[in-house]
PDB file of N, CA and C in Angstrom:
ATOM      1  N   UNK A   1      -7.277 -10.089   0.060  1.00  0.00           N
ATOM      2  CA  UNK A   1      -6.504 -11.147  -0.540  1.00  0.00           C
ATOM      3  C   UNK A   1      -5.015 -10.821  -0.502  1.00  0.00           C
ATOM      4  N   UNK A   2      -4.664  -9.586  -0.854  1.00  0.00           N
ATOM      5  CA  UNK A   2      -3.254  -9.201  -0.866  1.00  0.00           C
ATOM      6  C   UNK A   2      -2.674  -9.178   0.542  1.00  0.00           C
ATOM      7  N   UNK A   3      -3.457  -8.750   1.535  1.00  0.00           N
ATOM      8  CA  UNK A   3      -2.944  -8.751   2.903  1.00  0.00           C
ATOM      9  C   UNK A   3      -2.758 -10.172   3.422  1.00  0.00           C
ATOM     10  N   UNK A   4      -3.605 -11.075   2.995  1.00  0.00           N
ATOM     11  CA  UNK A   4      -3.426 -12.487   3.358  1.00  0.00           C
ATOM     12  C   UNK A   4      -2.147 -13.031   2.728  1.00  0.00           C
ATOM     13  N   UNK A   5      -1.924 -12.708   1.462  1.00  0.00           N
ATOM     14  CA  UNK A   5      -0.689 -13.129   0.798  1.00  0.00           C
ATOM     15  C   UNK A   5       0.524 -12.521   1.496  1.00  0.00           C
ATOM     16  N   UNK A   6       0.411 -11.253   1.892  1.00  0.00           N
ATOM     17  CA  UNK A   6       1.489 -10.610   2.642  1.00  0.00           C
ATOM     18  C   UNK A   6       1.818 -11.416   3.899  1.00  0.00           C
ATOM     19  N   UNK A   7       0.795 -11.743   4.657  1.00  0.00           N
ATOM     20  CA  UNK A   7       0.996 -12.502   5.902  1.00  0.00           C
ATOM     21  C   UNK A   7       1.614 -13.868   5.637  1.00  0.00           C
ATOM     22  N   UNK A   8       1.137 -14.528   4.608  1.00  0.00           N
ATOM     23  CA  UNK A   8       1.672 -15.855   4.278  1.00  0.00           C
ATOM     24  C   UNK A   8       3.149 -15.783   3.919  1.00  0.00           C
ATOM     25  N   UNK A   9       3.529 -14.794   3.121  1.00  0.00           N
ATOM     26  CA  UNK A   9       4.941 -14.657   2.759  1.00  0.00           C
ATOM     27  C   UNK A   9       5.789 -14.239   3.955  1.00  0.00           C
ATOM     28  N   UNK A  10       5.235 -13.459   4.851  1.00  0.00           N
ATOM     29  CA  UNK A  10       5.975 -13.093   6.070  1.00  0.00           C
ATOM     30  C   UNK A  10       6.248 -14.339   6.907  1.00  0.00           C
ATOM     31  N   UNK A  11       5.257 -15.214   7.002  1.00  0.00           N
ATOM     32  CA  UNK A  11       5.415 -16.438   7.801  1.00  0.00           C
ATOM     33  C   UNK A  11       6.560 -17.304   7.306  1.00  0.00           C
ATOM     34  N   UNK A  12       6.775 -17.340   6.001  1.00  0.00           N
ATOM     35  CA  UNK A  12       7.846 -18.187   5.458  1.00  0.00           C
ATOM     36  C   UNK A  12       9.139 -17.397   5.242  1.00  0.00           C
ATOM     37  N   UNK A  13       9.138 -16.122   5.609  1.00  0.00           N
ATOM     38  CA  UNK A  13      10.349 -15.321   5.535  1.00  0.00           C
ATOM     39  C   UNK A  13      10.697 -14.781   4.166  1.00  0.00           C
ATOM     40  N   UNK A  14       9.742 -14.771   3.245  1.00  0.00           N
ATOM     41  CA  UNK A  14       9.997 -14.225   1.915  1.00  0.00           C
ATOM     42  C   UNK A  14       9.592 -12.747   1.930  1.00  0.00           C
ATOM     43  N   UNK A  15      10.526 -11.917   2.371  1.00  0.00           N
ATOM     44  CA  UNK A  15      10.235 -10.504   2.571  1.00  0.00           C
ATOM     45  C   UNK A  15       9.973  -9.759   1.264  1.00  0.00           C
ATOM     46  N   UNK A  16      10.667 -10.147   0.214  1.00  0.00           N
ATOM     47  CA  UNK A  16      10.482  -9.480  -1.083  1.00  0.00           C
ATOM     48  C   UNK A  16       9.054  -9.667  -1.584  1.00  0.00           C
ATOM     49  N   UNK A  17       8.556 -10.893  -1.531  1.00  0.00           N
ATOM     50  CA  UNK A  17       7.180 -11.147  -1.980  1.00  0.00           C
ATOM     51  C   UNK A  17       6.164 -10.542  -1.015  1.00  0.00           C
ATOM     52  N   UNK A  18       6.481 -10.555   0.268  1.00  0.00           N
ATOM     53  CA  UNK A  18       5.579  -9.946   1.250  1.00  0.00           C
ATOM     54  C   UNK A  18       5.394  -8.467   0.920  1.00  0.00           C
ATOM     55  N   UNK A  19       6.499  -7.777   0.661  1.00  0.00           N
ATOM     56  CA  UNK A  19       6.427  -6.347   0.335  1.00  0.00           C
ATOM     57  C   UNK A  19       5.656  -6.117  -0.964  1.00  0.00           C
ATOM     58  N   UNK A  20       5.889  -6.956  -1.954  1.00  0.00           N
ATOM     59  CA  UNK A  20       5.183  -6.812  -3.231  1.00  0.00           C
ATOM     60  C   UNK A  20       3.671  -6.882  -3.024  1.00  0.00           C
ATOM     61  N   UNK A  21       3.227  -7.748  -2.135  1.00  0.00           N
ATOM     62  CA  UNK A  21       1.788  -7.854  -1.868  1.00  0.00           C
ATOM     63  C   UNK A  21       1.278  -6.668  -1.058  1.00  0.00           C
ATOM     64  N   UNK A  22       2.127  -6.096  -0.216  1.00  0.00           N
ATOM     65  CA  UNK A  22       1.714  -4.874   0.481  1.00  0.00           C
ATOM     66  C   UNK A  22       1.536  -3.734  -0.514  1.00  0.00           C
ATOM     67  N   UNK A  23       2.440  -3.645  -1.481  1.00  0.00           N
ATOM     68  CA  UNK A  23       2.307  -2.597  -2.487  1.00  0.00           C
ATOM     69  C   UNK A  23       1.027  -2.765  -3.301  1.00  0.00           C
ATOM     70  N   UNK A  24       0.708  -3.991  -3.681  1.00  0.00           N
ATOM     71  CA  UNK A  24      -0.549  -4.230  -4.405  1.00  0.00           C
ATOM     72  C   UNK A  24      -1.744  -3.879  -3.533  1.00  0.00           C
ATOM     73  N   UNK A  25      -1.671  -4.277  -2.264  1.00  0.00           N
ATOM     74  CA  UNK A  25      -2.762  -3.962  -1.334  1.00  0.00           C
ATOM     75  C   UNK A  25      -2.951  -2.452  -1.229  1.00  0.00           C
ATOM     76  N   UNK A  26      -1.849  -1.718  -1.234  1.00  0.00           N
ATOM     77  CA  UNK A  26      -1.937  -0.262  -1.143  1.00  0.00           C
ATOM     78  C   UNK A  26      -2.668   0.329  -2.348  1.00  0.00           C
ATOM     79  N   UNK A  27      -2.301  -0.123  -3.523  1.00  0.00           N
ATOM     80  CA  UNK A  27      -2.927   0.405  -4.742  1.00  0.00           C
ATOM     81  C   UNK A  27      -4.428   0.116  -4.727  1.00  0.00           C
ATOM     82  N   UNK A  28      -4.786  -1.073  -4.322  1.00  0.00           N
ATOM     83  CA  UNK A  28      -6.211  -1.456  -4.285  1.00  0.00           C
ATOM     84  C   UNK A  28      -6.953  -0.687  -3.197  1.00  0.00           C
ATOM     85  N   UNK A  29      -6.304  -0.457  -2.062  1.00  0.00           N
ATOM     86  CA  UNK A  29      -6.967   0.142  -0.899  1.00  0.00           C
ATOM     87  C   UNK A  29      -7.049   1.663  -0.940  1.00  0.00           C
ATOM     88  N   UNK A  30      -6.353   2.299  -1.854  1.00  0.00           N
ATOM     89  CA  UNK A  30      -6.266   3.764  -1.847  1.00  0.00           C
ATOM     90  C   UNK A  30      -7.610   4.480  -1.812  1.00  0.00           C
ATOM     91  N   UNK A  31      -8.621   3.901  -2.365  1.00  0.00           N
ATOM     92  CA  UNK A  31      -9.926   4.579  -2.438  1.00  0.00           C
ATOM     93  C   UNK A  31     -10.743   4.460  -1.153  1.00  0.00           C
ATOM     94  N   UNK A  32     -10.243   3.698  -0.205  1.00  0.00           N
ATOM     95  CA  UNK A  32     -11.000   3.396   1.010  1.00  0.00           C
ATOM     96  C   UNK A  32     -10.199   3.843   2.234  1.00  0.00           C
ATOM     97  N   UNK A  33     -10.645   4.871   2.950  1.00  0.00           N
ATOM     98  CA  UNK A  33      -9.847   5.452   4.038  1.00  0.00           C
ATOM     99  C   UNK A  33      -9.335   4.439   5.068  1.00  0.00           C
ATOM    100  N   UNK A  34     -10.208   3.587   5.577  1.00  0.00           N
ATOM    101  CA  UNK A  34      -9.769   2.632   6.610  1.00  0.00           C
ATOM    102  C   UNK A  34      -8.725   1.675   6.057  1.00  0.00           C
ATOM    103  N   UNK A  35      -8.998   1.085   4.925  1.00  0.00           N
ATOM    104  CA  UNK A  35      -8.093   0.098   4.345  1.00  0.00           C
ATOM    105  C   UNK A  35      -6.771   0.727   3.900  1.00  0.00           C
ATOM    106  N   UNK A  36      -6.838   1.942   3.384  1.00  0.00           N
ATOM    107  CA  UNK A  36      -5.639   2.666   2.996  1.00  0.00           C
ATOM    108  C   UNK A  36      -4.740   2.864   4.222  1.00  0.00           C
ATOM    109  N   UNK A  37      -5.342   3.311   5.307  1.00  0.00           N
ATOM    110  CA  UNK A  37      -4.583   3.507   6.550  1.00  0.00           C
ATOM    111  C   UNK A  37      -4.048   2.188   7.088  1.00  0.00           C
ATOM    112  N   UNK A  38      -4.837   1.135   7.000  1.00  0.00           N
ATOM    113  CA  UNK A  38      -4.402  -0.178   7.474  1.00  0.00           C
ATOM    114  C   UNK A  38      -3.158  -0.650   6.723  1.00  0.00           C
ATOM    115  N   UNK A  39      -3.141  -0.462   5.415  1.00  0.00           N
ATOM    116  CA  UNK A  39      -1.969  -0.875   4.635  1.00  0.00           C
ATOM    117  C   UNK A  39      -0.746  -0.058   5.051  1.00  0.00           C
ATOM    118  N   UNK A  40      -0.919   1.238   5.266  1.00  0.00           N
ATOM    119  CA  UNK A  40       0.227   2.038   5.715  1.00  0.00           C
ATOM    120  C   UNK A  40       0.686   1.594   7.106  1.00  0.00           C
ATOM    121  N   UNK A  41      -0.229   1.187   7.947  1.00  0.00           N
ATOM    122  CA  UNK A  41       0.140   0.648   9.262  1.00  0.00           C
ATOM    123  C   UNK A  41       0.988  -0.616   9.090  1.00  0.00           C
ATOM    124  N   UNK A  42       0.569  -1.493   8.183  1.00  0.00           N
ATOM    125  CA  UNK A  42       1.333  -2.723   7.904  1.00  0.00           C
ATOM    126  C   UNK A  42       2.711  -2.379   7.329  1.00  0.00           C
ATOM    127  N   UNK A  43       2.767  -1.355   6.471  1.00  0.00           N
ATOM    128  CA  UNK A  43       4.053  -0.933   5.910  1.00  0.00           C
ATOM    129  C   UNK A  43       4.972  -0.376   7.000  1.00  0.00           C
ATOM    130  N   UNK A  44       4.392   0.363   7.936  1.00  0.00           N
ATOM    131  CA  UNK A  44       5.163   0.874   9.066  1.00  0.00           C
ATOM    132  C   UNK A  44       5.723  -0.283   9.894  1.00  0.00           C
ATOM    133  N   UNK A  45       4.883  -1.251  10.187  1.00  0.00           N
ATOM    134  CA  UNK A  45       5.328  -2.422  10.944  1.00  0.00           C
ATOM    135  C   UNK A  45       6.421  -3.181  10.193  1.00  0.00           C
ATOM    136  N   UNK A  46       6.256  -3.307   8.893  1.00  0.00           N
ATOM    137  CA  UNK A  46       7.252  -3.988   8.066  1.00  0.00           C
ATOM    138  C   UNK A  46       8.589  -3.247   8.154  1.00  0.00           C
ATOM    139  N   UNK A  47       8.535  -1.917   8.088  1.00  0.00           N
ATOM    140  CA  UNK A  47       9.748  -1.112   8.210  1.00  0.00           C
ATOM    141  C   UNK A  47      10.472  -1.378   9.518  1.00  0.00           C
ATOM    142  N   UNK A  48       9.726  -1.460  10.609  1.00  0.00           N
ATOM    143  CA  UNK A  48      10.340  -1.801  11.896  1.00  0.00           C
ATOM    144  C   UNK A  48      10.918  -3.213  11.858  1.00  0.00           C
ATOM    145  N   UNK A  49      10.172  -4.139  11.286  1.00  0.00           N
ATOM    146  CA  UNK A  49      10.596  -5.537  11.240  1.00  0.00           C
ATOM    147  C   UNK A  49      11.933  -5.695  10.519  1.00  0.00           C
ATOM    148  N   UNK A  50      12.093  -4.990   9.396  1.00  0.00           N
ATOM    149  CA  UNK A  50      13.341  -5.125   8.628  1.00  0.00           C
ATOM    150  C   UNK A  50      14.386  -4.085   9.054  1.00  0.00           C
ATOM    151  N   UNK A  51      14.037  -3.308  10.071  1.00  0.00           N
ATOM    152  CA  UNK A  51      14.938  -2.280  10.610  1.00  0.00           C
ATOM    153  C   UNK A  51      15.357  -1.262   9.534  1.00  0.00           C
ATOM    154  N   UNK A  52      14.379  -0.870   8.725  1.00  0.00           N
ATOM    155  CA  UNK A  52      14.607   0.127   7.692  1.00  0.00           C
ATOM    156  C   UNK A  52      13.961   1.420   8.186  1.00  0.00           C
ATOM    157  N   UNK A  53      14.774   2.258   8.809  1.00  0.00           N
ATOM    158  CA  UNK A  53      14.224   3.447   9.444  1.00  0.00           C
ATOM    159  C   UNK A  53      13.794   4.507   8.433  1.00  0.00           C
ATOM    160  N   UNK A  54      14.332   4.446   7.216  1.00  0.00           N
ATOM    161  CA  UNK A  54      13.831   5.327   6.154  1.00  0.00           C
ATOM    162  C   UNK A  54      12.366   4.983   5.866  1.00  0.00           C
ATOM    163  N   UNK A  55      12.061   3.684   5.828  1.00  0.00           N
ATOM    164  CA  UNK A  55      10.674   3.259   5.601  1.00  0.00           C
ATOM    165  C   UNK A  55       9.789   3.673   6.769  1.00  0.00           C
ATOM    166  N   UNK A  56      10.282   3.493   7.975  1.00  0.00           N
ATOM    167  CA  UNK A  56       9.508   3.860   9.163  1.00  0.00           C
ATOM    168  C   UNK A  56       9.178   5.350   9.135  1.00  0.00           C
ATOM    169  N   UNK A  57      10.197   6.179   8.946  1.00  0.00           N
ATOM    170  CA  UNK A  57       9.981   7.633   8.918  1.00  0.00           C
ATOM    171  C   UNK A  57       9.060   8.022   7.753  1.00  0.00           C
ATOM    172  N   UNK A  58       9.228   7.372   6.610  1.00  0.00           N
ATOM    173  CA  UNK A  58       8.396   7.674   5.453  1.00  0.00           C
ATOM    174  C   UNK A  58       6.946   7.266   5.622  1.00  0.00           C
ATOM    175  N   UNK A  59       6.699   6.239   6.422  1.00  0.00           N
ATOM    176  CA  UNK A  59       5.328   5.767   6.597  1.00  0.00           C
ATOM    177  C   UNK A  59       4.531   6.607   7.587  1.00  0.00           C
ATOM    178  N   UNK A  60       5.184   7.298   8.482  1.00  0.00           N
ATOM    179  CA  UNK A  60       4.446   8.059   9.500  1.00  0.00           C
ATOM    180  C   UNK A  60       3.521   9.101   8.873  1.00  0.00           C
ATOM    181  N   UNK A  61       4.013   9.999   8.001  1.00  0.00           N
ATOM    182  CA  UNK A  61       3.055  10.945   7.400  1.00  0.00           C
ATOM    183  C   UNK A  61       2.042  10.258   6.485  1.00  0.00           C
ATOM    184  N   UNK A  62       2.454   9.183   5.824  1.00  0.00           N
ATOM    185  CA  UNK A  62       1.521   8.456   4.957  1.00  0.00           C
ATOM    186  C   UNK A  62       0.403   7.841   5.795  1.00  0.00           C
ATOM    187  N   UNK A  63       0.751   7.350   6.957  1.00  0.00           N
ATOM    188  CA  UNK A  63      -0.249   6.771   7.862  1.00  0.00           C
ATOM    189  C   UNK A  63      -1.209   7.853   8.361  1.00  0.00           C
ATOM    190  N   UNK A  64      -0.661   8.998   8.695  1.00  0.00           N
ATOM    191  CA  UNK A  64      -1.494  10.092   9.220  1.00  0.00           C
ATOM    192  C   UNK A  64      -2.428  10.657   8.152  1.00  0.00           C
ATOM    193  N   UNK A  65      -1.912  10.876   6.937  1.00  0.00           N
ATOM    194  CA  UNK A  65      -2.686  11.591   5.922  1.00  0.00           C
ATOM    195  C   UNK A  65      -3.306  10.708   4.836  1.00  0.00           C
ATOM    196  N   UNK A  66      -2.867   9.448   4.730  1.00  0.00           N
ATOM    197  CA  UNK A  66      -3.367   8.580   3.666  1.00  0.00           C
ATOM    198  C   UNK A  66      -4.868   8.392   3.702  1.00  0.00           C
ATOM    199  N   UNK A  67      -5.399   8.089   4.874  1.00  0.00           N
ATOM    200  CA  UNK A  67      -6.835   7.884   5.003  1.00  0.00           C
ATOM    201  C   UNK A  67      -7.629   9.144   4.708  1.00  0.00           C
ATOM    202  N   UNK A  68      -7.084  10.281   5.112  1.00  0.00           N
ATOM    203  CA  UNK A  68      -7.745  11.561   4.853  1.00  0.00           C
ATOM    204  C   UNK A  68      -7.797  11.819   3.350  1.00  0.00           C
ATOM    205  N   UNK A  69      -6.676  11.574   2.672  1.00  0.00           N
ATOM    206  CA  UNK A  69      -6.643  11.778   1.220  1.00  0.00           C
ATOM    207  C   UNK A  69      -7.636  10.847   0.518  1.00  0.00           C
ATOM    208  N   UNK A  70      -7.779   9.617   1.038  1.00  0.00           N
ATOM    209  CA  UNK A  70      -8.780   8.709   0.475  1.00  0.00           C
ATOM    210  C   UNK A  70     -10.177   9.270   0.678  1.00  0.00           C
ATOM    211  N   UNK A  71     -10.421   9.790   1.859  1.00  0.00           N
ATOM    212  CA  UNK A  71     -11.742  10.308   2.209  1.00  0.00           C
ATOM    213  C   UNK A  71     -12.153  11.452   1.298  1.00  0.00           C
ATOM    214  N   UNK A  72     -11.204  12.322   0.960  1.00  0.00           N
ATOM    215  CA  UNK A  72     -11.531  13.464   0.106  1.00  0.00           C
ATOM    216  C   UNK A  72     -11.292  13.180  -1.373  1.00  0.00           C
ATOM    217  N   UNK A  73     -10.797  11.980  -1.684  1.00  0.00           N
ATOM    218  CA  UNK A  73     -10.652  11.561  -3.079  1.00  0.00           C
ATOM    219  C   UNK A  73      -9.473  12.159  -3.819  1.00  0.00           C
ATOM    220  N   UNK A  74      -8.366  12.386  -3.119  1.00  0.00           N
ATOM    221  CA  UNK A  74      -7.203  12.992  -3.777  1.00  0.00           C
ATOM    222  C   UNK A  74      -5.961  12.102  -3.695  1.00  0.00           C
ATOM    223  N   UNK A  75      -6.122  10.816  -3.867  1.00  0.00           N
ATOM    224  CA  UNK A  75      -4.965   9.913  -3.811  1.00  0.00           C
ATOM    225  C   UNK A  75      -4.255   9.867  -5.161  1.00  0.00           C
ATOM    226  N   UNK A  76      -2.939   9.657  -5.143  1.00  0.00           N
ATOM    227  CA  UNK A  76      -2.203   9.485  -6.398  1.00  0.00           C
ATOM    228  C   UNK A  76      -2.393   8.050  -6.892  1.00  0.00           C
ATOM    229  N   UNK A  77      -3.327   7.844  -7.771  1.00  0.00           N
ATOM    230  CA  UNK A  77      -3.726   6.518  -8.230  1.00  0.00           C
ATOM    231  C   UNK A  77      -2.520   5.717  -8.715  1.00  0.00           C
ATOM    232  N   UNK A  78      -2.451   4.466  -8.285  1.00  0.00           N
ATOM    233  CA  UNK A  78      -1.390   3.565  -8.714  1.00  0.00           C
ATOM    234  C   UNK A  78      -0.126   3.652  -7.889  1.00  0.00           C
ATOM    235  N   UNK A  79      -0.036   4.610  -6.991  1.00  0.00           N
ATOM    236  CA  UNK A  79       1.161   4.755  -6.160  1.00  0.00           C
ATOM    237  C   UNK A  79       1.283   3.556  -5.232  1.00  0.00           C
ATOM    238  N   UNK A  80       2.467   2.892  -5.205  1.00  0.00           N
ATOM    239  CA  UNK A  80       2.611   1.692  -4.389  1.00  0.00           C
ATOM    240  C   UNK A  80       2.757   1.939  -2.890  1.00  0.00           C
ATOM    241  N   UNK A  81       2.945   3.195  -2.455  1.00  0.00           N
ATOM    242  CA  UNK A  81       2.860   3.528  -1.041  1.00  0.00           C
ATOM    243  C   UNK A  81       4.115   3.434  -0.206  1.00  0.00           C
ATOM    244  N   UNK A  82       5.200   2.910  -0.741  1.00  0.00           N
ATOM    245  CA  UNK A  82       6.432   2.812   0.038  1.00  0.00           C
ATOM    246  C   UNK A  82       7.168   4.136   0.088  1.00  0.00           C
ATOM    247  N   UNK A  83       8.097   4.244   1.029  1.00  0.00           N
ATOM    248  CA  UNK A  83       8.850   5.491   1.166  1.00  0.00           C
ATOM    249  C   UNK A  83       9.889   5.666   0.064  1.00  0.00           C
ATOM    250  N   UNK A  84      10.056   4.654  -0.773  1.00  0.00           N
ATOM    251  CA  UNK A  84      11.011   4.745  -1.883  1.00  0.00           C
ATOM    252  C   UNK A  84      10.427   5.446  -3.103  1.00  0.00           C
ATOM    253  N   UNK A  85       9.168   5.859  -3.028  1.00  0.00           N
ATOM    254  CA  UNK A  85       8.531   6.592  -4.129  1.00  0.00           C
ATOM    255  C   UNK A  85       7.923   7.883  -3.581  1.00  0.00           C
ATOM    256  N   UNK A  86       7.846   8.930  -4.408  1.00  0.00           N
ATOM    257  CA  UNK A  86       7.226  10.182  -3.943  1.00  0.00           C
ATOM    258  C   UNK A  86       5.763   9.937  -3.553  1.00  0.00           C
ATOM    259  N   UNK A  87       5.336  10.476  -2.425  1.00  0.00           N
ATOM    260  CA  UNK A  87       3.985  10.181  -1.930  1.00  0.00           C
ATOM    261  C   UNK A  87       2.842  10.728  -2.780  1.00  0.00           C
ATOM    262  N   UNK A  88       3.106  11.717  -3.619  1.00  0.00           N
ATOM    263  CA  UNK A  88       2.023  12.326  -4.395  1.00  0.00           C
ATOM    264  C   UNK A  88       2.082  11.972  -5.871  1.00  0.00           C
ATOM    265  N   UNK A  89       2.992  11.075  -6.244  1.00  0.00           N
ATOM    266  CA  UNK A  89       3.175  10.736  -7.656  1.00  0.00           C
ATOM    267  C   UNK A  89       2.264   9.583  -8.070  1.00  0.00           C
ATOM    268  N   UNK A  90       1.414   9.793  -9.085  1.00  0.00           N
ATOM    269  CA  UNK A  90       0.615   8.673  -9.596  1.00  0.00           C
ATOM    270  C   UNK A  90       1.493   7.751 -10.443  1.00  0.00           C
ATOM    271  N   UNK A  91       1.118   6.498 -10.515  1.00  0.00           N
ATOM    272  CA  UNK A  91       1.830   5.495 -11.290  1.00  0.00           C
ATOM    273  C   UNK A  91       0.831   4.763 -12.180  1.00  0.00           C
ATOM    274  N   UNK A  92       1.318   4.186 -13.292  1.00  0.00           N
ATOM    275  CA  UNK A  92       0.432   3.351 -14.108  1.00  0.00           C
ATOM    276  C   UNK A  92      -0.051   2.159 -13.276  1.00  0.00           C
ATOM    277  N   UNK A  93      -1.265   1.764 -13.510  1.00  0.00           N
ATOM    278  CA  UNK A  93      -1.834   0.629 -12.773  1.00  0.00           C
ATOM    279  C   UNK A  93      -1.538  -0.658 -13.530  1.00  0.00           C
ATOM    280  N   UNK A  94      -0.997  -1.609 -12.804  1.00  0.00           N
ATOM    281  CA  UNK A  94      -0.695  -2.928 -13.358  1.00  0.00           C
ATOM    282  C   UNK A  94      -1.981  -3.536 -13.932  1.00  0.00           C
ATOM    283  N   UNK A  95      -1.908  -4.194 -15.089  1.00  0.00           N
ATOM    284  CA  UNK A  95      -3.110  -4.781 -15.691  1.00  0.00           C
ATOM    285  C   UNK A  95      -3.871  -5.729 -14.754  1.00  0.00           C
ATOM    286  N   UNK A  96      -3.157  -6.474 -13.930  1.00  0.00           N
ATOM    287  CA  UNK A  96      -3.821  -7.385 -12.978  1.00  0.00           C
ATOM    288  C   UNK A  96      -4.691  -6.598 -11.997  1.00  0.00           C
ATOM    289  N   UNK A  97      -4.179  -5.489 -11.506  1.00  0.00           N
ATOM    290  CA  UNK A  97      -4.942  -4.657 -10.573  1.00  0.00           C
ATOM    291  C   UNK A  97      -6.059  -3.924 -11.310  1.00  0.00           C
ATOM    292  N   UNK A  98      -5.790  -3.465 -12.517  1.00  0.00           N
ATOM    293  CA  UNK A  98      -6.826  -2.799 -13.309  1.00  0.00           C
ATOM    294  C   UNK A  98      -7.994  -3.748 -13.547  1.00  0.00           C
ATOM    295  N   UNK A  99      -7.702  -5.011 -13.756  1.00  0.00           N
ATOM    296  CA  UNK A  99      -8.748  -6.016 -13.939  1.00  0.00           C
ATOM    297  C   UNK A  99      -9.619  -6.127 -12.680  1.00  0.00           C
ATOM    298  N   UNK A 100      -8.989  -6.062 -11.514  1.00  0.00           N
ATOM    299  CA  UNK A 100      -9.749  -6.073 -10.245  1.00  0.00           C
ATOM    300  C   UNK A 100     -10.675  -4.861 -10.197  1.00  0.00           C
ATOM    301  N   UNK A 101     -10.147  -3.690 -10.541  1.00  0.00           N
ATOM    302  CA  UNK A 101     -10.954  -2.467 -10.546  1.00  0.00           C
ATOM    303  C   UNK A 101     -12.116  -2.586 -11.534  1.00  0.00           C
ATOM    304  N   UNK A 102     -11.831  -3.121 -12.727  1.00  0.00           N
ATOM    305  CA  UNK A 102     -12.872  -3.261 -13.742  1.00  0.00           C
ATOM    306  C   UNK A 102     -13.991  -4.173 -13.256  1.00  0.00           C
ATOM    307  N   UNK A 103     -13.635  -5.297 -12.640  1.00  0.00           N
ATOM    308  CA  UNK A 103     -14.641  -6.233 -12.138  1.00  0.00           C
ATOM    309  C   UNK A 103     -15.488  -5.605 -11.036  1.00  0.00           C
ATOM    310  N   UNK A 104     -14.879  -4.700 -10.272  1.00  0.00           N
ATOM    311  CA  UNK A 104     -15.597  -4.043  -9.196  1.00  0.00           C
ATOM    312  C   UNK A 104     -16.331  -2.785  -9.659  1.00  0.00           C
ATOM    313  N   UNK A 105     -16.199  -2.451 -10.937  1.00  0.00           N
ATOM    314  CA  UNK A 105     -16.849  -1.267 -11.472  1.00  0.00           C
ATOM    315  C   UNK A 105     -16.156   0.026 -11.063  1.00  0.00           C
ATOM    316  N   UNK A 106     -14.850  -0.038 -10.801  1.00  0.00           N
ATOM    317  CA  UNK A 106     -14.092   1.131 -10.367  1.00  0.00           C
ATOM    318  C   UNK A 106     -13.151   1.614 -11.463  1.00  0.00           C
ATOM    319  N   UNK A 107     -13.603   1.741 -12.643  1.00  0.00           N
ATOM    320  CA  UNK A 107     -12.745   2.106 -13.781  1.00  0.00           C
ATOM    321  C   UNK A 107     -12.146   3.451 -13.592  1.00  0.00           C
TER     322      UNK A 107
END
């Protein structure tokens, strides 16, 4: 759902909202290696799109190791995944996302 919202906002040129949905997608996807890596791939592409080379450089190690960390269960829960935050720092989970986790039995 969040990746669809990301795509929709990209189509209309609302980059701020597009990024916000990528961050939500990252938090939700962290527990799943493939999806976690996919979100980092989208973040890398976004970095190229907006010509933010700090984001591009920051996403490369996240793309390489994010899925592995998901696989072994050592992700920093709640981390939004962008290069503007430390990659190993956990963050509080937004109540909207926590509700998604609760409904899925992922407390």
